[in-house]
């Protein structure tokens, strides 16, 4: 998958500006670094009811996730660890069935990026 992405970027680089290249590279690697649009995908998470209030829209799946999430009571400081809070959140999340930004799978162990 990454090889195809690299080849695509190389082919398209002949026709794009530097800002276009940067945007494509960021969109491909956004989940590889446990970040989405500059926001960490771990920490204190507030679930919101309005998609326009959210930093990210997620769909909960049972297989083939973009991120495996473990819900913790405190110290959510590693990739995929989410502590649900009402205030002082690091990330606002809207759960949706349609057009998610990423797909998550709840797990009891080994959170983070899938292998």
PDB file of N, CA and C in Angstrom:
ATOM      1  N   UNK A   1       0.821  -1.194   0.000  1.00  0.00           N
ATOM      2  CA  UNK A   1       0.000   0.000   0.000  1.00  0.00           C
ATOM      3  C   UNK A   1       0.866   1.260   0.000  1.00  0.00           C
ATOM      4  N   UNK A   2       1.901   1.258   0.854  1.00  0.00           N
ATOM      5  CA  UNK A   2       2.764   2.428   0.911  1.00  0.00           C
ATOM      6  C   UNK A   2       3.550   2.590  -0.384  1.00  0.00           C
ATOM      7  N   UNK A   3       3.940   1.475  -1.010  1.00  0.00           N
ATOM      8  CA  UNK A   3       4.671   1.538  -2.268  1.00  0.00           C
ATOM      9  C   UNK A   3       3.823   2.183  -3.345  1.00  0.00           C
ATOM     10  N   UNK A   4       2.557   1.811  -3.400  1.00  0.00           N
ATOM     11  CA  UNK A   4       1.647   2.413  -4.379  1.00  0.00           C
ATOM     12  C   UNK A   4       1.505   3.908  -4.113  1.00  0.00           C
ATOM     13  N   UNK A   5       1.412   4.278  -2.845  1.00  0.00           N
ATOM     14  CA  UNK A   5       1.297   5.690  -2.488  1.00  0.00           C
ATOM     15  C   UNK A   5       2.530   6.479  -2.910  1.00  0.00           C
ATOM     16  N   UNK A   6       3.696   5.905  -2.691  1.00  0.00           N
ATOM     17  CA  UNK A   6       4.948   6.578  -3.062  1.00  0.00           C
ATOM     18  C   UNK A   6       5.031   6.741  -4.575  1.00  0.00           C
ATOM     19  N   UNK A   7       4.676   5.691  -5.310  1.00  0.00           N
ATOM     20  CA  UNK A   7       4.708   5.767  -6.777  1.00  0.00           C
ATOM     21  C   UNK A   7       3.725   6.816  -7.279  1.00  0.00           C
ATOM     22  N   UNK A   8       2.545   6.858  -6.683  1.00  0.00           N
ATOM     23  CA  UNK A   8       1.540   7.861  -7.067  1.00  0.00           C
ATOM     24  C   UNK A   8       2.072   9.269  -6.838  1.00  0.00           C
ATOM     25  N   UNK A   9       2.686   9.496  -5.704  1.00  0.00           N
ATOM     26  CA  UNK A   9       3.241  10.821  -5.400  1.00  0.00           C
ATOM     27  C   UNK A   9       4.328  11.194  -6.405  1.00  0.00           C
ATOM     28  N   UNK A  10       5.175  10.238  -6.729  1.00  0.00           N
ATOM     29  CA  UNK A  10       6.255  10.528  -7.676  1.00  0.00           C
ATOM     30  C   UNK A  10       5.695  10.891  -9.053  1.00  0.00           C
ATOM     31  N   UNK A  11       4.686  10.162  -9.508  1.00  0.00           N
ATOM     32  CA  UNK A  11       4.102  10.437 -10.823  1.00  0.00           C
ATOM     33  C   UNK A  11       3.386  11.789 -10.841  1.00  0.00           C
ATOM     34  N   UNK A  12       2.693  12.081  -9.770  1.00  0.00           N
ATOM     35  CA  UNK A  12       1.921  13.319  -9.725  1.00  0.00           C
ATOM     36  C   UNK A  12       2.791  14.539  -9.481  1.00  0.00           C
ATOM     37  N   UNK A  13       4.018  14.336  -8.983  1.00  0.00           N
ATOM     38  CA  UNK A  13       4.872  15.472  -8.644  1.00  0.00           C
ATOM     39  C   UNK A  13       5.260  16.303  -9.864  1.00  0.00           C
ATOM     40  N   UNK A  14       5.177  15.726 -11.038  1.00  0.00           N
ATOM     41  CA  UNK A  14       5.492  16.472 -12.241  1.00  0.00           C
ATOM     42  C   UNK A  14       4.448  17.544 -12.548  1.00  0.00           C
ATOM     43  N   UNK A  15       3.239  17.392 -12.006  1.00  0.00           N
ATOM     44  CA  UNK A  15       2.139  18.286 -12.336  1.00  0.00           C
ATOM     45  C   UNK A  15       1.666  19.140 -11.171  1.00  0.00           C
ATOM     46  N   UNK A  16       2.290  19.049 -10.014  1.00  0.00           N
ATOM     47  CA  UNK A  16       1.790  19.734  -8.822  1.00  0.00           C
ATOM     48  C   UNK A  16       2.771  20.779  -8.312  1.00  0.00           C
ATOM     49  N   UNK A  17       2.205  21.649  -7.500  1.00  0.00           N
ATOM     50  CA  UNK A  17       3.029  22.627  -6.797  1.00  0.00           C
ATOM     51  C   UNK A  17       3.493  22.009  -5.487  1.00  0.00           C
ATOM     52  N   UNK A  18       4.383  22.674  -4.800  1.00  0.00           N
ATOM     53  CA  UNK A  18       4.908  22.183  -3.535  1.00  0.00           C
ATOM     54  C   UNK A  18       3.808  22.033  -2.491  1.00  0.00           C
ATOM     55  N   UNK A  19       2.871  22.966  -2.428  1.00  0.00           N
ATOM     56  CA  UNK A  19       1.793  22.882  -1.441  1.00  0.00           C
ATOM     57  C   UNK A  19       0.874  21.691  -1.724  1.00  0.00           C
ATOM     58  N   UNK A  20       0.645  21.377  -3.000  1.00  0.00           N
ATOM     59  CA  UNK A  20      -0.161  20.206  -3.354  1.00  0.00           C
ATOM     60  C   UNK A  20       0.537  18.927  -2.902  1.00  0.00           C
ATOM     61  N   UNK A  21       1.846  18.855  -3.115  1.00  0.00           N
ATOM     62  CA  UNK A  21       2.603  17.679  -2.709  1.00  0.00           C
ATOM     63  C   UNK A  21       2.540  17.502  -1.196  1.00  0.00           C
ATOM     64  N   UNK A  22       2.707  18.580  -0.463  1.00  0.00           N
ATOM     65  CA  UNK A  22       2.677  18.513   0.995  1.00  0.00           C
ATOM     66  C   UNK A  22       1.321  18.016   1.481  1.00  0.00           C
ATOM     67  N   UNK A  23       0.237  18.490   0.882  1.00  0.00           N
ATOM     68  CA  UNK A  23      -1.104  18.083   1.288  1.00  0.00           C
ATOM     69  C   UNK A  23      -1.332  16.589   1.048  1.00  0.00           C
ATOM     70  N   UNK A  24      -0.872  16.076  -0.078  1.00  0.00           N
ATOM     71  CA  UNK A  24      -1.036  14.648  -0.385  1.00  0.00           C
ATOM     72  C   UNK A  24      -0.202  13.802   0.561  1.00  0.00           C
ATOM     73  N   UNK A  25       1.019  14.202   0.809  1.00  0.00           N
ATOM     74  CA  UNK A  25       1.879  13.442   1.723  1.00  0.00           C
ATOM     75  C   UNK A  25       1.275  13.413   3.112  1.00  0.00           C
ATOM     76  N   UNK A  26       0.747  14.540   3.592  1.00  0.00           N
ATOM     77  CA  UNK A  26       0.128  14.584   4.909  1.00  0.00           C
ATOM     78  C   UNK A  26      -1.102  13.689   4.975  1.00  0.00           C
ATOM     79  N   UNK A  27      -1.906  13.652   3.910  1.00  0.00           N
ATOM     80  CA  UNK A  27      -3.106  12.826   3.935  1.00  0.00           C
ATOM     81  C   UNK A  27      -2.770  11.346   3.935  1.00  0.00           C
ATOM     82  N   UNK A  28      -1.677  10.957   3.286  1.00  0.00           N
ATOM     83  CA  UNK A  28      -1.273   9.555   3.261  1.00  0.00           C
ATOM     84  C   UNK A  28      -0.698   9.138   4.607  1.00  0.00           C
ATOM     85  N   UNK A  29       0.086  10.000   5.237  1.00  0.00           N
ATOM     86  CA  UNK A  29       0.761   9.642   6.477  1.00  0.00           C
ATOM     87  C   UNK A  29      -0.001  10.054   7.721  1.00  0.00           C
ATOM     88  N   UNK A  30      -1.193  10.619   7.583  1.00  0.00           N
ATOM     89  CA  UNK A  30      -1.891  11.139   8.754  1.00  0.00           C
ATOM     90  C   UNK A  30      -2.133  10.078   9.814  1.00  0.00           C
ATOM     91  N   UNK A  31      -2.410   8.865   9.417  1.00  0.00           N
ATOM     92  CA  UNK A  31      -2.689   7.820  10.388  1.00  0.00           C
ATOM     93  C   UNK A  31      -1.422   7.058  10.756  1.00  0.00           C
ATOM     94  N   UNK A  32      -0.365   7.128   9.941  1.00  0.00           N
ATOM     95  CA  UNK A  32       0.881   6.429  10.235  1.00  0.00           C
ATOM     96  C   UNK A  32       1.597   7.016  11.443  1.00  0.00           C
ATOM     97  N   UNK A  33       1.305   8.226  11.811  1.00  0.00           N
ATOM     98  CA  UNK A  33       1.978   8.879  12.925  1.00  0.00           C
ATOM     99  C   UNK A  33       1.100   9.014  14.148  1.00  0.00           C
ATOM    100  N   UNK A  34      -0.053   8.344  14.156  1.00  0.00           N
ATOM    101  CA  UNK A  34      -1.026   8.427  15.243  1.00  0.00           C
ATOM    102  C   UNK A  34      -1.519   9.862  15.430  1.00  0.00           C
ATOM    103  N   UNK A  35      -1.641  10.572  14.310  1.00  0.00           N
ATOM    104  CA  UNK A  35      -2.192  11.920  14.310  1.00  0.00           C
ATOM    105  C   UNK A  35      -3.196  12.033  13.179  1.00  0.00           C
ATOM    106  N   UNK A  36      -4.145  12.936  13.363  1.00  0.00           N
ATOM    107  CA  UNK A  36      -5.082  13.258  12.297  1.00  0.00           C
ATOM    108  C   UNK A  36      -5.177  14.768  12.232  1.00  0.00           C
ATOM    109  N   UNK A  37      -4.779  15.317  11.111  1.00  0.00           N
ATOM    110  CA  UNK A  37      -4.769  16.764  10.901  1.00  0.00           C
ATOM    111  C   UNK A  37      -4.112  17.506  12.064  1.00  0.00           C
ATOM    112  N   UNK A  38      -2.963  16.974  12.477  1.00  0.00           N
ATOM    113  CA  UNK A  38      -2.170  17.617  13.519  1.00  0.00           C
ATOM    114  C   UNK A  38      -2.603  17.326  14.940  1.00  0.00           C
ATOM    115  N   UNK A  39      -3.682  16.582  15.129  1.00  0.00           N
ATOM    116  CA  UNK A  39      -4.169  16.258  16.474  1.00  0.00           C
ATOM    117  C   UNK A  39      -3.825  14.813  16.805  1.00  0.00           C
ATOM    118  N   UNK A  40      -3.352  14.589  18.035  1.00  0.00           N
ATOM    119  CA  UNK A  40      -3.003  13.242  18.477  1.00  0.00           C
ATOM    120  C   UNK A  40      -4.239  12.368  18.589  1.00  0.00           C
ATOM    121  N   UNK A  41      -4.107  11.111  18.213  1.00  0.00           N
ATOM    122  CA  UNK A  41      -5.205  10.156  18.319  1.00  0.00           C
ATOM    123  C   UNK A  41      -5.113   9.368  19.624  1.00  0.00           C
ATOM    124  N   UNK A  42      -4.793  10.068  20.679  1.00  0.00           N
ATOM    125  CA  UNK A  42      -4.783   9.518  22.030  1.00  0.00           C
ATOM    126  C   UNK A  42      -4.977  10.669  22.999  1.00  0.00           C
ATOM    127  N   UNK A  43      -5.295  10.341  24.234  1.00  0.00           N
ATOM    128  CA  UNK A  43      -5.470  11.368  25.247  1.00  0.00           C
ATOM    129  C   UNK A  43      -6.898  11.476  25.717  1.00  0.00           C
ATOM    130  N   UNK A  44      -7.249  12.672  26.162  1.00  0.00           N
ATOM    131  CA  UNK A  44      -8.588  12.932  26.693  1.00  0.00           C
ATOM    132  C   UNK A  44      -9.544  13.214  25.535  1.00  0.00           C
ATOM    133  N   UNK A  45     -10.596  12.418  25.446  1.00  0.00           N
ATOM    134  CA  UNK A  45     -11.530  12.467  24.324  1.00  0.00           C
ATOM    135  C   UNK A  45     -12.902  12.884  24.823  1.00  0.00           C
ATOM    136  N   UNK A  46     -13.487  13.857  24.150  1.00  0.00           N
ATOM    137  CA  UNK A  46     -14.867  14.249  24.443  1.00  0.00           C
ATOM    138  C   UNK A  46     -15.733  13.807  23.268  1.00  0.00           C
ATOM    139  N   UNK A  47     -16.790  13.040  23.564  1.00  0.00           N
ATOM    140  CA  UNK A  47     -17.726  12.626  22.535  1.00  0.00           C
ATOM    141  C   UNK A  47     -18.758  13.729  22.363  1.00  0.00           C
ATOM    142  N   UNK A  48     -18.953  14.198  21.142  1.00  0.00           N
ATOM    143  CA  UNK A  48     -19.888  15.286  20.864  1.00  0.00           C
ATOM    144  C   UNK A  48     -21.060  14.769  20.047  1.00  0.00           C
ATOM    145  N   UNK A  49     -22.183  15.447  20.143  1.00  0.00           N
ATOM    146  CA  UNK A  49     -23.402  15.032  19.464  1.00  0.00           C
ATOM    147  C   UNK A  49     -23.584  15.688  18.101  1.00  0.00           C
ATOM    148  N   UNK A  50     -22.822  16.725  17.824  1.00  0.00           N
ATOM    149  CA  UNK A  50     -22.937  17.446  16.558  1.00  0.00           C
ATOM    150  C   UNK A  50     -21.629  17.284  15.785  1.00  0.00           C
ATOM    151  N   UNK A  51     -21.723  16.821  14.548  1.00  0.00           N
ATOM    152  CA  UNK A  51     -20.505  16.587  13.766  1.00  0.00           C
ATOM    153  C   UNK A  51     -19.718  17.858  13.496  1.00  0.00           C
ATOM    154  N   UNK A  52     -20.377  18.995  13.525  1.00  0.00           N
ATOM    155  CA  UNK A  52     -19.687  20.263  13.251  1.00  0.00           C
ATOM    156  C   UNK A  52     -18.865  20.740  14.444  1.00  0.00           C
ATOM    157  N   UNK A  53     -19.120  20.161  15.620  1.00  0.00           N
ATOM    158  CA  UNK A  53     -18.332  20.480  16.806  1.00  0.00           C
ATOM    159  C   UNK A  53     -17.094  19.588  16.924  1.00  0.00           C
ATOM    160  N   UNK A  54     -17.024  18.547  16.113  1.00  0.00           N
ATOM    161  CA  UNK A  54     -15.983  17.531  16.254  1.00  0.00           C
ATOM    162  C   UNK A  54     -14.697  17.900  15.521  1.00  0.00           C
ATOM    163  N   UNK A  55     -13.591  17.409  16.075  1.00  0.00           N
ATOM    164  CA  UNK A  55     -12.302  17.504  15.399  1.00  0.00           C
ATOM    165  C   UNK A  55     -12.152  16.364  14.399  1.00  0.00           C
ATOM    166  N   UNK A  56     -12.810  15.243  14.692  1.00  0.00           N
ATOM    167  CA  UNK A  56     -12.689  14.059  13.852  1.00  0.00           C
ATOM    168  C   UNK A  56     -13.971  13.240  13.928  1.00  0.00           C
ATOM    169  N   UNK A  57     -14.338  12.645  12.791  1.00  0.00           N
ATOM    170  CA  UNK A  57     -15.507  11.763  12.737  1.00  0.00           C
ATOM    171  C   UNK A  57     -14.998  10.328  12.629  1.00  0.00           C
ATOM    172  N   UNK A  58     -15.522   9.446  13.491  1.00  0.00           N
ATOM    173  CA  UNK A  58     -15.067   8.062  13.503  1.00  0.00           C
ATOM    174  C   UNK A  58     -16.230   7.102  13.331  1.00  0.00           C
ATOM    175  N   UNK A  59     -15.914   5.969  12.756  1.00  0.00           N
ATOM    176  CA  UNK A  59     -16.865   4.870  12.637  1.00  0.00           C
ATOM    177  C   UNK A  59     -16.294   3.707  13.432  1.00  0.00           C
ATOM    178  N   UNK A  60     -17.124   3.066  14.245  1.00  0.00           N
ATOM    179  CA  UNK A  60     -16.696   1.918  15.035  1.00  0.00           C
ATOM    180  C   UNK A  60     -16.899   0.665  14.198  1.00  0.00           C
ATOM    181  N   UNK A  61     -15.832  -0.117  14.041  1.00  0.00           N
ATOM    182  CA  UNK A  61     -15.872  -1.325  13.213  1.00  0.00           C
ATOM    183  C   UNK A  61     -15.352  -2.514  14.023  1.00  0.00           C
ATOM    184  N   UNK A  62     -15.622  -3.717  13.522  1.00  0.00           N
ATOM    185  CA  UNK A  62     -15.134  -4.944  14.153  1.00  0.00           C
ATOM    186  C   UNK A  62     -13.897  -5.498  13.461  1.00  0.00           C
ATOM    187  N   UNK A  63     -13.608  -5.018  12.268  1.00  0.00           N
ATOM    188  CA  UNK A  63     -12.446  -5.513  11.515  1.00  0.00           C
ATOM    189  C   UNK A  63     -11.901  -4.419  10.610  1.00  0.00           C
ATOM    190  N   UNK A  64     -10.630  -4.538  10.280  1.00  0.00           N
ATOM    191  CA  UNK A  64      -9.930  -3.620   9.377  1.00  0.00           C
ATOM    192  C   UNK A  64     -10.021  -2.153   9.808  1.00  0.00           C
ATOM    193  N   UNK A  65      -9.614  -1.855  11.044  1.00  0.00           N
ATOM    194  CA  UNK A  65      -9.648  -0.464  11.507  1.00  0.00           C
ATOM    195  C   UNK A  65      -8.424   0.313  11.035  1.00  0.00           C
ATOM    196  N   UNK A  66      -8.548   1.632  11.104  1.00  0.00           N
ATOM    197  CA  UNK A  66      -7.388   2.503  10.921  1.00  0.00           C
ATOM    198  C   UNK A  66      -6.635   2.648  12.236  1.00  0.00           C
ATOM    199  N   UNK A  67      -7.371   2.482  13.354  1.00  0.00           N
ATOM    200  CA  UNK A  67      -6.799   2.647  14.689  1.00  0.00           C
ATOM    201  C   UNK A  67      -7.509   1.716  15.658  1.00  0.00           C
ATOM    202  N   UNK A  68      -6.716   1.026  16.481  1.00  0.00           N
ATOM    203  CA  UNK A  68      -7.284   0.202  17.552  1.00  0.00           C
ATOM    204  C   UNK A  68      -7.286   1.052  18.813  1.00  0.00           C
ATOM    205  N   UNK A  69      -8.460   1.141  19.468  1.00  0.00           N
ATOM    206  CA  UNK A  69      -8.637   2.042  20.604  1.00  0.00           C
ATOM    207  C   UNK A  69      -8.912   1.252  21.874  1.00  0.00           C
ATOM    208  N   UNK A  70      -8.159   1.578  22.916  1.00  0.00           N
ATOM    209  CA  UNK A  70      -8.397   1.026  24.246  1.00  0.00           C
ATOM    210  C   UNK A  70      -8.884   2.177  25.126  1.00  0.00           C
ATOM    211  N   UNK A  71     -10.046   1.990  25.734  1.00  0.00           N
ATOM    212  CA  UNK A  71     -10.597   3.004  26.626  1.00  0.00           C
ATOM    213  C   UNK A  71     -10.001   2.797  28.013  1.00  0.00           C
ATOM    214  N   UNK A  72      -9.392   3.854  28.543  1.00  0.00           N
ATOM    215  CA  UNK A  72      -8.704   3.773  29.830  1.00  0.00           C
ATOM    216  C   UNK A  72      -9.301   4.793  30.796  1.00  0.00           C
ATOM    217  N   UNK A  73      -9.050   4.565  32.078  1.00  0.00           N
ATOM    218  CA  UNK A  73      -9.555   5.472  33.115  1.00  0.00           C
ATOM    219  C   UNK A  73      -8.652   6.692  33.300  1.00  0.00           C
ATOM    220  N   UNK A  74      -7.348   6.519  33.084  1.00  0.00           N
ATOM    221  CA  UNK A  74      -6.408   7.638  33.201  1.00  0.00           C
ATOM    222  C   UNK A  74      -5.117   7.311  32.464  1.00  0.00           C
ATOM    223  N   UNK A  75      -4.257   8.289  32.338  1.00  0.00           N
ATOM    224  CA  UNK A  75      -2.958   8.162  31.672  1.00  0.00           C
ATOM    225  C   UNK A  75      -3.083   7.657  30.230  1.00  0.00           C
ATOM    226  N   UNK A  76      -3.904   8.312  29.463  1.00  0.00           N
ATOM    227  CA  UNK A  76      -4.050   7.973  28.037  1.00  0.00           C
ATOM    228  C   UNK A  76      -2.965   8.696  27.259  1.00  0.00           C
ATOM    229  N   UNK A  77      -1.746   8.164  27.358  1.00  0.00           N
ATOM    230  CA  UNK A  77      -0.611   8.868  26.760  1.00  0.00           C
ATOM    231  C   UNK A  77       0.122   8.068  25.685  1.00  0.00           C
ATOM    232  N   UNK A  78      -0.504   6.994  25.195  1.00  0.00           N
ATOM    233  CA  UNK A  78       0.082   6.230  24.098  1.00  0.00           C
ATOM    234  C   UNK A  78      -0.932   6.102  22.975  1.00  0.00           C
ATOM    235  N   UNK A  79      -0.443   5.862  21.783  1.00  0.00           N
ATOM    236  CA  UNK A  79      -1.280   5.800  20.597  1.00  0.00           C
ATOM    237  C   UNK A  79      -2.456   4.844  20.793  1.00  0.00           C
ATOM    238  N   UNK A  80      -3.669   5.347  20.567  1.00  0.00           N
ATOM    239  CA  UNK A  80      -4.866   4.529  20.649  1.00  0.00           C
ATOM    240  C   UNK A  80      -5.488   4.444  22.025  1.00  0.00           C
ATOM    241  N   UNK A  81      -4.890   5.046  23.022  1.00  0.00           N
ATOM    242  CA  UNK A  81      -5.484   5.051  24.366  1.00  0.00           C
ATOM    243  C   UNK A  81      -6.375   6.276  24.499  1.00  0.00           C
ATOM    244  N   UNK A  82      -7.647   6.045  24.810  1.00  0.00           N
ATOM    245  CA  UNK A  82      -8.623   7.130  24.922  1.00  0.00           C
ATOM    246  C   UNK A  82      -9.228   7.149  26.314  1.00  0.00           C
ATOM    247  N   UNK A  83      -9.202   8.308  26.942  1.00  0.00           N
ATOM    248  CA  UNK A  83      -9.875   8.539  28.214  1.00  0.00           C
ATOM    249  C   UNK A  83     -11.059   9.451  27.925  1.00  0.00           C
ATOM    250  N   UNK A  84     -12.273   8.955  28.133  1.00  0.00           N
ATOM    251  CA  UNK A  84     -13.476   9.739  27.854  1.00  0.00           C
ATOM    252  C   UNK A  84     -13.676  10.750  28.978  1.00  0.00           C
ATOM    253  N   UNK A  85     -13.806  12.027  28.597  1.00  0.00           N
ATOM    254  CA  UNK A  85     -13.977  13.116  29.560  1.00  0.00           C
ATOM    255  C   UNK A  85     -15.100  14.041  29.098  1.00  0.00           C
ATOM    256  N   UNK A  86     -15.540  14.894  29.999  1.00  0.00           N
ATOM    257  CA  UNK A  86     -16.540  15.913  29.668  1.00  0.00           C
ATOM    258  C   UNK A  86     -15.915  17.290  29.474  1.00  0.00           C
ATOM    259  N   UNK A  87     -14.761  17.528  30.106  1.00  0.00           N
ATOM    260  CA  UNK A  87     -14.091  18.834  30.040  1.00  0.00           C
ATOM    261  C   UNK A  87     -12.593  18.648  29.806  1.00  0.00           C
ATOM    262  N   UNK A  88     -11.951  19.711  29.365  1.00  0.00           N
ATOM    263  CA  UNK A  88     -10.501  19.738  29.152  1.00  0.00           C
ATOM    264  C   UNK A  88     -10.021  18.644  28.202  1.00  0.00           C
ATOM    265  N   UNK A  89     -10.745  18.455  27.121  1.00  0.00           N
ATOM    266  CA  UNK A  89     -10.423  17.410  26.162  1.00  0.00           C
ATOM    267  C   UNK A  89      -9.247  17.808  25.268  1.00  0.00           C
ATOM    268  N   UNK A  90      -8.572  16.777  24.763  1.00  0.00           N
ATOM    269  CA  UNK A  90      -7.535  16.964  23.753  1.00  0.00           C
ATOM    270  C   UNK A  90      -8.121  16.856  22.351  1.00  0.00           C
ATOM    271  N   UNK A  91      -9.222  16.095  22.224  1.00  0.00           N
ATOM    272  CA  UNK A  91      -9.816  15.809  20.922  1.00  0.00           C
ATOM    273  C   UNK A  91     -11.322  15.629  21.085  1.00  0.00           C
ATOM    274  N   UNK A  92     -12.086  16.245  20.178  1.00  0.00           N
ATOM    275  CA  UNK A  92     -13.542  16.071  20.166  1.00  0.00           C
ATOM    276  C   UNK A  92     -13.896  15.097  19.044  1.00  0.00           C
ATOM    277  N   UNK A  93     -14.661  14.048  19.394  1.00  0.00           N
ATOM    278  CA  UNK A  93     -14.961  12.964  18.470  1.00  0.00           C
ATOM    279  C   UNK A  93     -16.461  12.846  18.264  1.00  0.00           C
ATOM    280  N   UNK A  94     -16.853  12.694  17.000  1.00  0.00           N
ATOM    281  CA  UNK A  94     -18.241  12.430  16.629  1.00  0.00           C
ATOM    282  C   UNK A  94     -18.288  11.030  16.038  1.00  0.00           C
ATOM    283  N   UNK A  95     -19.177  10.188  16.558  1.00  0.00           N
ATOM    284  CA  UNK A  95     -19.316   8.829  16.060  1.00  0.00           C
ATOM    285  C   UNK A  95     -20.384   8.811  14.980  1.00  0.00           C
ATOM    286  N   UNK A  96     -20.041   8.259  13.825  1.00  0.00           N
ATOM    287  CA  UNK A  96     -20.931   8.261  12.676  1.00  0.00           C
ATOM    288  C   UNK A  96     -20.880   6.910  11.962  1.00  0.00           C
ATOM    289  N   UNK A  97     -21.876   6.647  11.158  1.00  0.00           N
ATOM    290  CA  UNK A  97     -21.888   5.467  10.290  1.00  0.00           C
ATOM    291  C   UNK A  97     -21.475   5.839   8.866  1.00  0.00           C
ATOM    292  N   UNK A  98     -21.639   7.113   8.521  1.00  0.00           N
ATOM    293  CA  UNK A  98     -21.410   7.562   7.147  1.00  0.00           C
ATOM    294  C   UNK A  98     -20.262   8.555   7.063  1.00  0.00           C
ATOM    295  N   UNK A  99     -19.397   8.355   6.085  1.00  0.00           N
ATOM    296  CA  UNK A  99     -18.299   9.275   5.763  1.00  0.00           C
ATOM    297  C   UNK A  99     -17.404   9.597   6.956  1.00  0.00           C
ATOM    298  N   UNK A 100     -16.849   8.575   7.616  1.00  0.00           N
ATOM    299  CA  UNK A 100     -15.937   8.855   8.732  1.00  0.00           C
ATOM    300  C   UNK A 100     -14.578   9.322   8.228  1.00  0.00           C
ATOM    301  N   UNK A 101     -13.855  10.013   9.095  1.00  0.00           N
ATOM    302  CA  UNK A 101     -12.464  10.354   8.790  1.00  0.00           C
ATOM    303  C   UNK A 101     -11.577   9.128   8.985  1.00  0.00           C
ATOM    304  N   UNK A 102     -11.836   8.385  10.078  1.00  0.00           N
ATOM    305  CA  UNK A 102     -11.113   7.140  10.334  1.00  0.00           C
ATOM    306  C   UNK A 102     -12.076   6.112  10.907  1.00  0.00           C
ATOM    307  N   UNK A 103     -11.644   4.844  10.852  1.00  0.00           N
ATOM    308  CA  UNK A 103     -12.407   3.750  11.453  1.00  0.00           C
ATOM    309  C   UNK A 103     -11.628   3.252  12.662  1.00  0.00           C
ATOM    310  N   UNK A 104     -12.342   3.052  13.785  1.00  0.00           N
ATOM    311  CA  UNK A 104     -11.695   2.557  14.995  1.00  0.00           C
ATOM    312  C   UNK A 104     -12.291   1.218  15.404  1.00  0.00           C
ATOM    313  N   UNK A 105     -11.476   0.434  16.088  1.00  0.00           N
ATOM    314  CA  UNK A 105     -11.926  -0.841  16.642  1.00  0.00           C
ATOM    315  C   UNK A 105     -11.595  -0.834  18.126  1.00  0.00           C
ATOM    316  N   UNK A 106     -12.605  -0.949  19.002  1.00  0.00           N
ATOM    317  CA  UNK A 106     -12.317  -1.036  20.434  1.00  0.00           C
ATOM    318  C   UNK A 106     -11.598  -2.351  20.761  1.00  0.00           C
ATOM    319  N   UNK A 107     -10.563  -2.272  21.592  1.00  0.00           N
ATOM    320  CA  UNK A 107      -9.798  -3.451  22.000  1.00  0.00           C
ATOM    321  C   UNK A 107      -9.528  -3.384  23.499  1.00  0.00           C
ATOM    322  N   UNK A 108      -9.204  -4.541  24.085  1.00  0.00           N
ATOM    323  CA  UNK A 108      -8.850  -4.601  25.499  1.00  0.00           C
ATOM    324  C   UNK A 108      -7.345  -4.540  25.714  1.00  0.00           C
ATOM    325  N   UNK A 109      -6.589  -4.831  24.657  1.00  0.00           N
ATOM    326  CA  UNK A 109      -5.125  -4.785  24.760  1.00  0.00           C
ATOM    327  C   UNK A 109      -4.532  -4.442  23.402  1.00  0.00           C
ATOM    328  N   UNK A 110      -3.303  -4.022  23.421  1.00  0.00           N
ATOM    329  CA  UNK A 110      -2.552  -3.651  22.221  1.00  0.00           C
ATOM    330  C   UNK A 110      -3.249  -2.582  21.366  1.00  0.00           C
ATOM    331  N   UNK A 111      -3.527  -1.414  21.951  1.00  0.00           N
ATOM    332  CA  UNK A 111      -4.092  -0.322  21.151  1.00  0.00           C
ATOM    333  C   UNK A 111      -3.042   0.263  20.226  1.00  0.00           C
ATOM    334  N   UNK A 112      -3.509   1.050  19.285  1.00  0.00           N
ATOM    335  CA  UNK A 112      -2.594   1.751  18.385  1.00  0.00           C
ATOM    336  C   UNK A 112      -2.862   1.426  16.940  1.00  0.00           C
ATOM    337  N   UNK A 113      -1.865   1.630  16.128  1.00  0.00           N
ATOM    338  CA  UNK A 113      -1.993   1.389  14.697  1.00  0.00           C
ATOM    339  C   UNK A 113      -1.967  -0.102  14.426  1.00  0.00           C
ATOM    340  N   UNK A 114      -2.851  -0.582  13.554  1.00  0.00           N
ATOM    341  CA  UNK A 114      -2.840  -2.013  13.222  1.00  0.00           C
ATOM    342  C   UNK A 114      -1.586  -2.387  12.451  1.00  0.00           C
ATOM    343  N   UNK A 115      -1.220  -3.628  12.542  1.00  0.00           N
ATOM    344  CA  UNK A 115      -0.009  -4.101  11.850  1.00  0.00           C
ATOM    345  C   UNK A 115      -0.192  -4.165  10.372  1.00  0.00           C
TER     346      UNK A 115
END
